[in-house]
C-alpha atoms as a PDB file:
ATOM      1  CA  MET A   1      -0.024  -0.420  -0.010  1.00  0.00           C
ATOM      2  CA  LEU A   2       1.537   3.484  -0.842  1.00  0.00           C
ATOM      3  CA  HIS A   3       1.494   6.145   1.183  1.00  0.00           C
ATOM      4  CA  TYR A   4       2.072   9.929   1.932  1.00  0.00           C
ATOM      5  CA  PRO A   5       5.086  11.400   3.525  1.00  0.00           C
ATOM      6  CA  CYS A   6       3.122  12.957   6.014  1.00  0.00           C
ATOM      7  CA  ILE A   7       4.005  16.762   7.832  1.00  0.00           C
ATOM      8  CA  LEU A   8       1.994  17.860  11.428  1.00  0.00           C
ATOM      9  CA  THR A   9       2.127  20.935  11.159  1.00  0.00           C
ATOM     10  CA  ILE A  10       1.816  23.124  14.431  1.00  0.00           C
ATOM     11  CA  ALA A  11       1.251  26.883  14.119  1.00  0.00           C
ATOM     12  CA  GLY A  12      -1.358  29.960  14.321  1.00  0.00           C
ATOM     13  CA  SER A  13      -3.823  31.003  11.530  1.00  0.00           C
ATOM     14  CA  ASP A  14      -2.812  33.784   8.647  1.00  0.00           C
ATOM     15  CA  CYS A  15      -6.319  34.765   7.286  1.00  0.00           C
ATOM     16  CA  SER A  16      -4.737  36.733   4.878  1.00  0.00           C
ATOM     17  CA  GLY A  17      -2.887  32.973   3.844  1.00  0.00           C
ATOM     18  CA  GLY A  18       0.689  34.279   3.469  1.00  0.00           C
ATOM     19  CA  ALA A  19       2.266  32.953   6.830  1.00  0.00           C
ATOM     20  CA  GLY A  20       1.458  30.430   9.606  1.00  0.00           C
ATOM     21  CA  ILE A  21      -0.566  27.354   9.196  1.00  0.00           C
ATOM     22  CA  GLN A  22      -2.074  28.371   5.428  1.00  0.00           C
ATOM     23  CA  ALA A  23       1.826  28.518   4.437  1.00  0.00           C
ATOM     24  CA  ASP A  24       2.806  25.506   6.176  1.00  0.00           C
ATOM     25  CA  ILE A  25       0.515  23.925   3.737  1.00  0.00           C
ATOM     26  CA  LYS A  26       1.154  25.575   0.334  1.00  0.00           C
ATOM     27  CA  ALA A  27       4.719  24.459   0.687  1.00  0.00           C
ATOM     28  CA  ILE A  28       3.844  20.838   2.881  1.00  0.00           C
ATOM     29  CA  SER A  29       1.249  20.805  -0.861  1.00  0.00           C
ATOM     30  CA  ALA A  30       3.899  21.874  -3.382  1.00  0.00           C
ATOM     31  CA  LEU A  31       6.255  19.728  -2.368  1.00  0.00           C
ATOM     32  CA  GLY A  32       4.772  16.325  -2.875  1.00  0.00           C
ATOM     33  CA  ALA A  33       3.701  15.539   0.735  1.00  0.00           C
ATOM     34  CA  TYR A  34       0.898  15.443   3.285  1.00  0.00           C
ATOM     35  CA  ALA A  35       0.013  18.343   5.428  1.00  0.00           C
ATOM     36  CA  ALA A  36      -1.844  18.195   8.691  1.00  0.00           C
ATOM     37  CA  SER A  37      -2.769  20.688  10.559  1.00  0.00           C
ATOM     38  CA  ALA A  38      -2.813  21.740  15.013  1.00  0.00           C
ATOM     39  CA  ILE A  39      -4.098  25.639  15.166  1.00  0.00           C
ATOM     40  CA  THR A  40      -2.474  26.837  18.034  1.00  0.00           C
ATOM     41  CA  ALA A  41      -3.691  30.654  17.575  1.00  0.00           C
ATOM     42  CA  ILE A  42      -5.993  32.515  15.109  1.00  0.00           C
ATOM     43  CA  THR A  43      -4.219  35.509  14.107  1.00  0.00           C
ATOM     44  CA  VAL A  44      -6.149  38.645  12.465  1.00  0.00           C
ATOM     45  CA  GLN A  45      -3.577  39.936  10.082  1.00  0.00           C
ATOM     46  CA  ASN A  46      -2.903  40.567   6.753  1.00  0.00           C
ATOM     47  CA  THR A  47       0.310  41.883   4.576  1.00  0.00           C
ATOM     48  CA  CYS A  48      -0.195  45.265   5.796  1.00  0.00           C
ATOM     49  CA  GLY A  49       0.370  43.534   9.671  1.00  0.00           C
ATOM     50  CA  VAL A  50      -0.911  41.803  12.582  1.00  0.00           C
ATOM     51  CA  SER A  51      -3.996  43.227  14.751  1.00  0.00           C
ATOM     52  CA  ASP A  52      -5.318  41.054  16.843  1.00  0.00           C
ATOM     53  CA  ILE A  53      -4.420  37.347  18.282  1.00  0.00           C
ATOM     54  CA  HIS A  54      -6.564  34.708  20.160  1.00  0.00           C
ATOM     55  CA  PRO A  55      -5.055  31.433  21.232  1.00  0.00           C
ATOM     56  CA  ILE A  56      -7.009  28.334  20.945  1.00  0.00           C
ATOM     57  CA  PRO A  57      -7.277  26.797  24.612  1.00  0.00           C
ATOM     58  CA  ALA A  58      -4.170  24.055  25.187  1.00  0.00           C
ATOM     59  CA  GLN A  59      -7.105  21.583  25.508  1.00  0.00           C
ATOM     60  CA  TYR A  60      -8.352  22.048  21.762  1.00  0.00           C
ATOM     61  CA  VAL A  61      -4.396  22.123  20.808  1.00  0.00           C
ATOM     62  CA  LYS A  62      -4.177  18.760  22.446  1.00  0.00           C
ATOM     63  CA  GLY A  63      -7.131  16.927  20.825  1.00  0.00           C
ATOM     64  CA  GLN A  64      -6.184  18.086  17.886  1.00  0.00           C
ATOM     65  CA  ILE A  65      -2.739  16.957  17.859  1.00  0.00           C
ATOM     66  CA  ASP A  66      -4.457  13.326  19.465  1.00  0.00           C
ATOM     67  CA  ALA A  67      -6.029  12.796  16.649  1.00  0.00           C
ATOM     68  CA  VAL A  68      -3.444  13.307  14.221  1.00  0.00           C
ATOM     69  CA  MET A  69      -0.883  11.689  15.629  1.00  0.00           C
ATOM     70  CA  THR A  70      -2.900   8.321  17.001  1.00  0.00           C
ATOM     71  CA  ASP A  71      -4.458   8.148  13.027  1.00  0.00           C
ATOM     72  CA  ILE A  72      -1.981   9.652  10.005  1.00  0.00           C
ATOM     73  CA  ARG A  73       1.333   9.737  12.264  1.00  0.00           C
ATOM     74  CA  PRO A  74       3.503  11.758  10.786  1.00  0.00           C
ATOM     75  CA  GLN A  75       7.000  11.237  10.591  1.00  0.00           C
ATOM     76  CA  ALA A  76       7.379  14.794  11.042  1.00  0.00           C
ATOM     77  CA  ILE A  77       6.080  17.469  13.191  1.00  0.00           C
ATOM     78  CA  LYS A  78       6.653  21.493  12.145  1.00  0.00           C
ATOM     79  CA  ILE A  79       6.051  23.965  14.709  1.00  0.00           C
ATOM     80  CA  GLY A  80       5.692  27.748  14.576  1.00  0.00           C
ATOM     81  CA  MET A  81       3.733  29.976  16.675  1.00  0.00           C
ATOM     82  CA  ILE A  82       3.327  29.311  20.125  1.00  0.00           C
ATOM     83  CA  ASN A  83       1.866  32.340  22.641  1.00  0.00           C
ATOM     84  CA  ASP A  84       0.612  30.691  25.195  1.00  0.00           C
ATOM     85  CA  VAL A  85       2.709  28.242  27.814  1.00  0.00           C
ATOM     86  CA  GLU A  86       0.079  26.181  28.510  1.00  0.00           C
ATOM     87  CA  ILE A  87       0.322  24.963  24.656  1.00  0.00           C
ATOM     88  CA  VAL A  88       3.862  24.631  24.480  1.00  0.00           C
ATOM     89  CA  LYS A  89       3.337  22.078  27.521  1.00  0.00           C
ATOM     90  CA  VAL A  90       1.003  19.991  26.081  1.00  0.00           C
ATOM     91  CA  ILE A  91       3.158  20.130  22.422  1.00  0.00           C
ATOM     92  CA  ALA A  92       6.055  18.843  24.552  1.00  0.00           C
ATOM     93  CA  ASP A  93       4.173  16.130  26.046  1.00  0.00           C
ATOM     94  CA  ALA A  94       2.905  15.330  22.783  1.00  0.00           C
ATOM     95  CA  ILE A  95       5.735  14.966  21.294  1.00  0.00           C
ATOM     96  CA  ARG A  96       7.284  12.663  24.281  1.00  0.00           C
ATOM     97  CA  LYS A  97       4.046  10.459  24.043  1.00  0.00           C
ATOM     98  CA  TYR A  98       4.630   9.849  20.129  1.00  0.00           C
ATOM     99  CA  LYS A  99       8.169  10.380  19.627  1.00  0.00           C
ATOM    100  CA  PRO A 100       7.803  11.636  15.969  1.00  0.00           C
ATOM    101  CA  ALA A 101      10.813  10.430  13.793  1.00  0.00           C
ATOM    102  CA  HIS A 102      11.659  14.582  12.930  1.00  0.00           C
ATOM    103  CA  VAL A 103      10.733  17.871  15.165  1.00  0.00           C
ATOM    104  CA  VAL A 104      11.784  21.467  13.249  1.00  0.00           C
ATOM    105  CA  LEU A 105      11.087  24.017  15.977  1.00  0.00           C
ATOM    106  CA  ASP A 106      10.752  27.825  13.654  1.00  0.00           C
ATOM    107  CA  PRO A 107      10.782  29.905  17.208  1.00  0.00           C
ATOM    108  CA  VAL A 108       8.643  33.233  15.578  1.00  0.00           C
ATOM    109  CA  MET A 109       8.695  35.703  17.903  1.00  0.00           C
ATOM    110  CA  VAL A 110       8.580  38.965  15.730  1.00  0.00           C
ATOM    111  CA  SER A 111       6.013  39.019  12.474  1.00  0.00           C
ATOM    112  CA  THR A 112       7.688  40.658   9.099  1.00  0.00           C
ATOM    113  CA  SER A 113       5.851  43.890  10.788  1.00  0.00           C
ATOM    114  CA  GLY A 114       7.396  44.030  13.820  1.00  0.00           C
ATOM    115  CA  CYS A 115       4.794  42.537  16.160  1.00  0.00           C
ATOM    116  CA  LYS A 116       5.366  40.881  18.715  1.00  0.00           C
ATOM    117  CA  LEU A 117       3.428  37.671  18.630  1.00  0.00           C
ATOM    118  CA  ILE A 118       4.839  35.766  22.178  1.00  0.00           C
ATOM    119  CA  GLU A 119       4.353  36.121  25.827  1.00  0.00           C
ATOM    120  CA  ASP A 120       7.733  36.181  27.763  1.00  0.00           C
ATOM    121  CA  LYS A 121       6.453  33.508  29.668  1.00  0.00           C
ATOM    122  CA  ALA A 122       6.003  31.545  26.662  1.00  0.00           C
ATOM    123  CA  ILE A 123       9.859  31.800  25.504  1.00  0.00           C
ATOM    124  CA  GLU A 124      10.868  30.272  28.882  1.00  0.00           C
ATOM    125  CA  ALA A 125       8.860  27.302  28.336  1.00  0.00           C
ATOM    126  CA  LEU A 126       9.799  27.015  24.768  1.00  0.00           C
ATOM    127  CA  THR A 127      13.576  27.311  25.788  1.00  0.00           C
ATOM    128  CA  ARG A 128      12.956  24.377  28.898  1.00  0.00           C
ATOM    129  CA  GLU A 129      10.170  22.453  27.530  1.00  0.00           C
ATOM    130  CA  LEU A 130      10.739  22.344  23.410  1.00  0.00           C
ATOM    131  CA  ILE A 131      13.498  23.805  22.369  1.00  0.00           C
ATOM    132  CA  PRO A 132      15.936  20.192  24.018  1.00  0.00           C
ATOM    133  CA  LEU A 133      13.225  17.950  21.830  1.00  0.00           C
ATOM    134  CA  ALA A 134      14.104  19.264  18.396  1.00  0.00           C
ATOM    135  CA  THR A 135      15.693  17.960  15.462  1.00  0.00           C
ATOM    136  CA  LEU A 136      16.292  21.637  14.449  1.00  0.00           C
ATOM    137  CA  ILE A 137      15.294  24.752  15.237  1.00  0.00           C
ATOM    138  CA  THR A 138      15.204  27.509  12.803  1.00  0.00           C
ATOM    139  CA  PRO A 139      15.263  31.233  14.182  1.00  0.00           C
ATOM    140  CA  ASN A 140      15.587  34.523  12.585  1.00  0.00           C
ATOM    141  CA  LEU A 141      18.589  36.777  14.179  1.00  0.00           C
ATOM    142  CA  ARG A 142      16.545  38.764  15.879  1.00  0.00           C
ATOM    143  CA  GLU A 143      14.920  35.264  17.033  1.00  0.00           C
ATOM    144  CA  ALA A 144      18.513  33.551  18.180  1.00  0.00           C
ATOM    145  CA  GLU A 145      19.370  37.016  19.934  1.00  0.00           C
ATOM    146  CA  VAL A 146      16.432  36.712  22.218  1.00  0.00           C
ATOM    147  CA  LEU A 147      16.964  32.890  22.899  1.00  0.00           C
ATOM    148  CA  ALA A 148      20.799  33.371  23.451  1.00  0.00           C
ATOM    149  CA  GLY A 149      20.700  36.892  25.221  1.00  0.00           C
ATOM    150  CA  CYS A 150      23.640  38.323  22.580  1.00  0.00           C
ATOM    151  CA  PRO A 151      23.961  40.426  19.811  1.00  0.00           C
ATOM    152  CA  ILE A 152      24.720  39.567  16.419  1.00  0.00           C
ATOM    153  CA  LYS A 153      26.163  41.612  13.825  1.00  0.00           C
ATOM    154  CA  THR A 154      28.129  39.363  11.396  1.00  0.00           C
ATOM    155  CA  VAL A 155      28.483  35.939  10.248  1.00  0.00           C
ATOM    156  CA  GLU A 156      30.714  35.379  13.168  1.00  0.00           C
ATOM    157  CA  ASP A 157      28.602  36.136  15.645  1.00  0.00           C
ATOM    158  CA  MET A 158      25.746  33.496  14.183  1.00  0.00           C
ATOM    159  CA  LYS A 159      28.355  30.639  14.237  1.00  0.00           C
ATOM    160  CA  GLN A 160      28.937  31.778  18.008  1.00  0.00           C
ATOM    161  CA  THR A 161      25.465  32.234  18.711  1.00  0.00           C
ATOM    162  CA  ALA A 162      24.587  28.762  17.585  1.00  0.00           C
ATOM    163  CA  ASP A 163      27.358  27.194  19.680  1.00  0.00           C
ATOM    164  CA  ARG A 164      25.268  28.473  22.739  1.00  0.00           C
ATOM    165  CA  LEU A 165      22.000  27.621  21.043  1.00  0.00           C
ATOM    166  CA  LEU A 166      22.881  24.283  21.472  1.00  0.00           C
ATOM    167  CA  GLU A 167      23.285  23.875  25.027  1.00  0.00           C
ATOM    168  CA  TYR A 168      19.830  24.335  25.350  1.00  0.00           C
ATOM    169  CA  GLN A 169      20.161  20.259  24.196  1.00  0.00           C
ATOM    170  CA  CYS A 170      18.866  20.619  19.928  1.00  0.00           C
ATOM    171  CA  GLN A 171      19.878  18.364  17.657  1.00  0.00           C
ATOM    172  CA  ALA A 172      20.625  21.270  15.238  1.00  0.00           C
ATOM    173  CA  VAL A 173      20.358  24.958  14.558  1.00  0.00           C
ATOM    174  CA  LEU A 174      20.036  27.501  11.432  1.00  0.00           C
ATOM    175  CA  ILE A 175      20.028  30.707  11.878  1.00  0.00           C
ATOM    176  CA  LYS A 176      18.753  32.901   9.170  1.00  0.00           C
ATOM    177  CA  GLY A 177      20.819  35.364   7.877  1.00  0.00           C
ATOM    178  CA  GLY A 178      18.306  37.391   5.876  1.00  0.00           C
ATOM    179  CA  HIS A 179      18.579  40.259   7.872  1.00  0.00           C
ATOM    180  CA  LEU A 180      22.151  40.944   8.647  1.00  0.00           C
ATOM    181  CA  GLU A 181      22.528  44.223   6.971  1.00  0.00           C
ATOM    182  CA  GLU A 182      25.703  44.370   4.276  1.00  0.00           C
ATOM    183  CA  GLY A 183      26.935  41.695   1.751  1.00  0.00           C
ATOM    184  CA  ASP A 184      24.695  38.341   0.795  1.00  0.00           C
ATOM    185  CA  MET A 185      22.024  36.492   2.710  1.00  0.00           C
ATOM    186  CA  CYS A 186      24.076  33.888   4.569  1.00  0.00           C
ATOM    187  CA  ASP A 187      22.079  31.004   6.826  1.00  0.00           C
ATOM    188  CA  VAL A 188      24.100  28.923   9.586  1.00  0.00           C
ATOM    189  CA  LEU A 189      24.218  25.036  10.171  1.00  0.00           C
ATOM    190  CA  LYS A 190      25.525  24.334  13.755  1.00  0.00           C
ATOM    191  CA  THR A 191      24.512  20.379  14.160  1.00  0.00           C
ATOM    192  CA  SER A 192      25.940  18.845  17.576  1.00  0.00           C
ATOM    193  CA  GLN A 193      27.179  16.273  15.346  1.00  0.00           C
ATOM    194  CA  GLN A 194      30.213  18.551  13.670  1.00  0.00           C
ATOM    195  CA  PRO A 195      32.086  20.522  14.615  1.00  0.00           C
ATOM    196  CA  GLU A 196      32.100  23.544  11.899  1.00  0.00           C
ATOM    197  CA  PRO A 197      29.076  24.545  10.769  1.00  0.00           C
ATOM    198  CA  TYR A 198      27.713  24.822   7.352  1.00  0.00           C
ATOM    199  CA  LEU A 199      27.242  28.150   5.544  1.00  0.00           C
ATOM    200  CA  PHE A 200      24.409  28.637   3.115  1.00  0.00           C
ATOM    201  CA  THR A 201      25.313  31.401   1.161  1.00  0.00           C
ATOM    202  CA  ALA A 202      22.833  33.086  -1.612  1.00  0.00           C
ATOM    203  CA  PRO A 203      22.654  36.748  -3.416  1.00  0.00           C
ATOM    204  CA  LYS A 204      19.356  38.624  -1.749  1.00  0.00           C
ATOM    205  CA  VAL A 205      16.900  39.012  -4.196  1.00  0.00           C
ATOM    206  CA  GLU A 206      15.126  42.735  -3.782  1.00  0.00           C
ATOM    207  CA  SER A 207      11.069  42.498  -2.616  1.00  0.00           C
ATOM    208  CA  LYS A 208       8.792  43.554  -0.670  1.00  0.00           C
ATOM    209  CA  ASN A 209       7.751  39.629  -0.474  1.00  0.00           C
ATOM    210  CA  THR A 210       9.256  38.434   2.206  1.00  0.00           C
ATOM    211  CA  HIS A 211       5.746  37.638   4.101  1.00  0.00           C
ATOM    212  CA  GLY A 212       6.009  33.816   6.007  1.00  0.00           C
ATOM    213  CA  THR A 213       8.697  32.916   4.296  1.00  0.00           C
ATOM    214  CA  GLY A 214      10.688  31.563   8.050  1.00  0.00           C
ATOM    215  CA  CYS A 215       7.378  29.604   8.037  1.00  0.00           C
ATOM    216  CA  THR A 216       7.915  28.351   4.688  1.00  0.00           C
ATOM    217  CA  LEU A 217      11.008  27.627   5.439  1.00  0.00           C
ATOM    218  CA  SER A 218      10.518  25.504   8.432  1.00  0.00           C
ATOM    219  CA  SER A 219       8.002  23.400   6.605  1.00  0.00           C
ATOM    220  CA  ALA A 220      10.036  22.393   3.776  1.00  0.00           C
ATOM    221  CA  ILE A 221      12.821  21.254   5.846  1.00  0.00           C
ATOM    222  CA  ALA A 222      10.384  19.314   8.008  1.00  0.00           C
ATOM    223  CA  THR A 223       9.339  17.923   4.713  1.00  0.00           C
ATOM    224  CA  PHE A 224      12.224  16.727   3.415  1.00  0.00           C
ATOM    225  CA  LEU A 225      13.657  15.565   6.494  1.00  0.00           C
ATOM    226  CA  ALA A 226      10.223  13.215   6.277  1.00  0.00           C
ATOM    227  CA  LEU A 227      11.348  12.433   3.229  1.00  0.00           C
ATOM    228  CA  GLY A 228      14.331  10.788   3.904  1.00  0.00           C
ATOM    229  CA  ASN A 229      16.884  13.349   3.608  1.00  0.00           C
ATOM    230  CA  SER A 230      19.490  14.260   6.095  1.00  0.00           C
ATOM    231  CA  THR A 231      19.510  17.556   8.170  1.00  0.00           C
ATOM    232  CA  GLU A 232      22.180  19.326   6.177  1.00  0.00           C
ATOM    233  CA  GLU A 233      20.020  18.530   3.017  1.00  0.00           C
ATOM    234  CA  ALA A 234      16.662  19.253   3.920  1.00  0.00           C
ATOM    235  CA  VAL A 235      18.125  22.607   4.618  1.00  0.00           C
ATOM    236  CA  LYS A 236      19.720  23.119   1.468  1.00  0.00           C
ATOM    237  CA  LYS A 237      16.817  22.152  -0.664  1.00  0.00           C
ATOM    238  CA  ALA A 238      14.342  24.206   1.416  1.00  0.00           C
ATOM    239  CA  LYS A 239      16.757  27.014   1.131  1.00  0.00           C
ATOM    240  CA  GLU A 240      16.471  26.338  -3.061  1.00  0.00           C
ATOM    241  CA  TYR A 241      12.247  26.034  -2.392  1.00  0.00           C
ATOM    242  CA  VAL A 242      12.272  29.341  -0.933  1.00  0.00           C
ATOM    243  CA  TYR A 243      14.922  30.827  -2.970  1.00  0.00           C
ATOM    244  CA  GLN A 244      13.073  29.805  -6.098  1.00  0.00           C
ATOM    245  CA  GLY A 245       9.933  31.343  -4.213  1.00  0.00           C
ATOM    246  CA  ILE A 246      10.864  34.315  -3.806  1.00  0.00           C
ATOM    247  CA  VAL A 247      12.450  35.205  -6.904  1.00  0.00           C
ATOM    248  CA  SER A 248       9.889  34.101  -9.217  1.00  0.00           C
ATOM    249  CA  GLY A 249       7.105  35.864  -6.351  1.00  0.00           C
ATOM    250  CA  LYS A 250       9.054  39.258  -6.007  1.00  0.00           C
ATOM    251  CA  ASP A 251       7.233  40.970  -9.106  1.00  0.00           C
ATOM    252  CA  ILE A 252       3.715  39.600  -7.784  1.00  0.00           C
ATOM    253  CA  HIS A 253       0.991  42.224  -6.269  1.00  0.00           C
ATOM    254  CA  ILE A 254      -0.949  40.504  -3.244  1.00  0.00           C
ATOM    255  CA  GLY A 255      -1.965  43.149  -0.421  1.00  0.00           C
ATOM    256  CA  GLU A 256      -0.249  47.018  -0.009  1.00  0.00           C
ATOM    257  CA  GLY A 257       2.434  45.816   2.713  1.00  0.00           C
ATOM    258  CA  HIS A 258       4.827  42.515   2.953  1.00  0.00           C
ATOM    259  CA  GLY A 259       2.776  40.012   0.530  1.00  0.00           C
ATOM    260  CA  PRO A 260       4.315  36.465   0.399  1.00  0.00           C
ATOM    261  CA  LEU A 261       6.796  34.365  -1.975  1.00  0.00           C
ATOM    262  CA  ASN A 262       5.074  32.330  -4.561  1.00  0.00           C
ATOM    263  CA  HIS A 263       5.153  28.938  -2.823  1.00  0.00           C
ATOM    264  CA  PHE A 264       3.558  27.207  -6.314  1.00  0.00           C
ATOM    265  CA  HIS A 265       6.326  28.304  -8.444  1.00  0.00           C
ATOM    266  CA  SER A 266       6.878  24.962 -10.612  1.00  0.00           C
ATOM    267  CA  PRO A 267       6.461  25.246 -14.589  1.00  0.00           C
ATOM    268  CA  VAL A 268       2.614  24.455 -14.467  1.00  0.00           C
ATOM    269  CA  ALA A 269       2.077  27.505 -11.092  1.00  0.00           C
ATOM    270  CA  MET A 270       3.600  30.213 -13.401  1.00  0.00           C
ATOM    271  CA  HIS A 271       2.178  29.357 -16.479  1.00  0.00           C
ATOM    272  CA  ILE A 272      -1.052  30.620 -15.191  1.00  0.00           C
ATOM    273  CA  LEU A 273       0.226  33.213 -13.854  1.00  0.00           C
ATOM    274  CA  SER A 274       1.113  34.333 -16.883  1.00  0.00           C
ATOM    275  CA  GLN A 275      -1.651  33.714 -18.634  1.00  0.00           C
ATOM    276  CA  ASN A 276      -3.705  35.953 -16.189  1.00  0.00           C
ATOM    277  CA  GLU A 277      -1.329  39.076 -16.571  1.00  0.00           C
END
């Protein structure tokens, strides 16, 4: 009997469709896997920003996770926005109980528009309860600074910060350098098994359509892990997928603020877009 590789995304809902659960499902599906979801919060947002957040009660987050894990049994879990301590505990308990092969944690703390998305107590619970259970964590520069308690200005700072974050006992850390002020984009991957970090560089793409990039990257990594890739290969392939999504989506107009990247940048999808110009 044939099976889809399955990924469970645990994250917040973005009604504008560019980030969160919606971006995760698009990325997972575009890469040929099956997406299941557990919603942690409902956000009121669009491309211009987040105006409100309503956390889902922890018991309902637990119910969603249990329903998926006892039936579909996904190979990988991607975790996105969590702004409530009790939800952190529910997710950590579920990981210990069901023992998925891969856990990718994207510690979403601030939106693209600058809105804080997580309580301070939830950050503490995240570092204590969830990070030690993660196959990989994927903070951006601002999130890595909060988690490590140190400023990051250079690639060398990123390498040192990755070492600090590994002390939380996760298996690997990917610090996303998209917000570095100068030079090419550079992400730093450090695993607990390798003494030297992996550097992933790419030229910057001038585009305002970057809403949901972090959500998309972490979901793509989880998908490639579920497909049998090593952590290094999963990150490499996911970064290429996101890069092509940014390139192919930079001239598409969605909303008046930070639009999304193009999740469906296959030749078929691009042909449909060109026909609608």
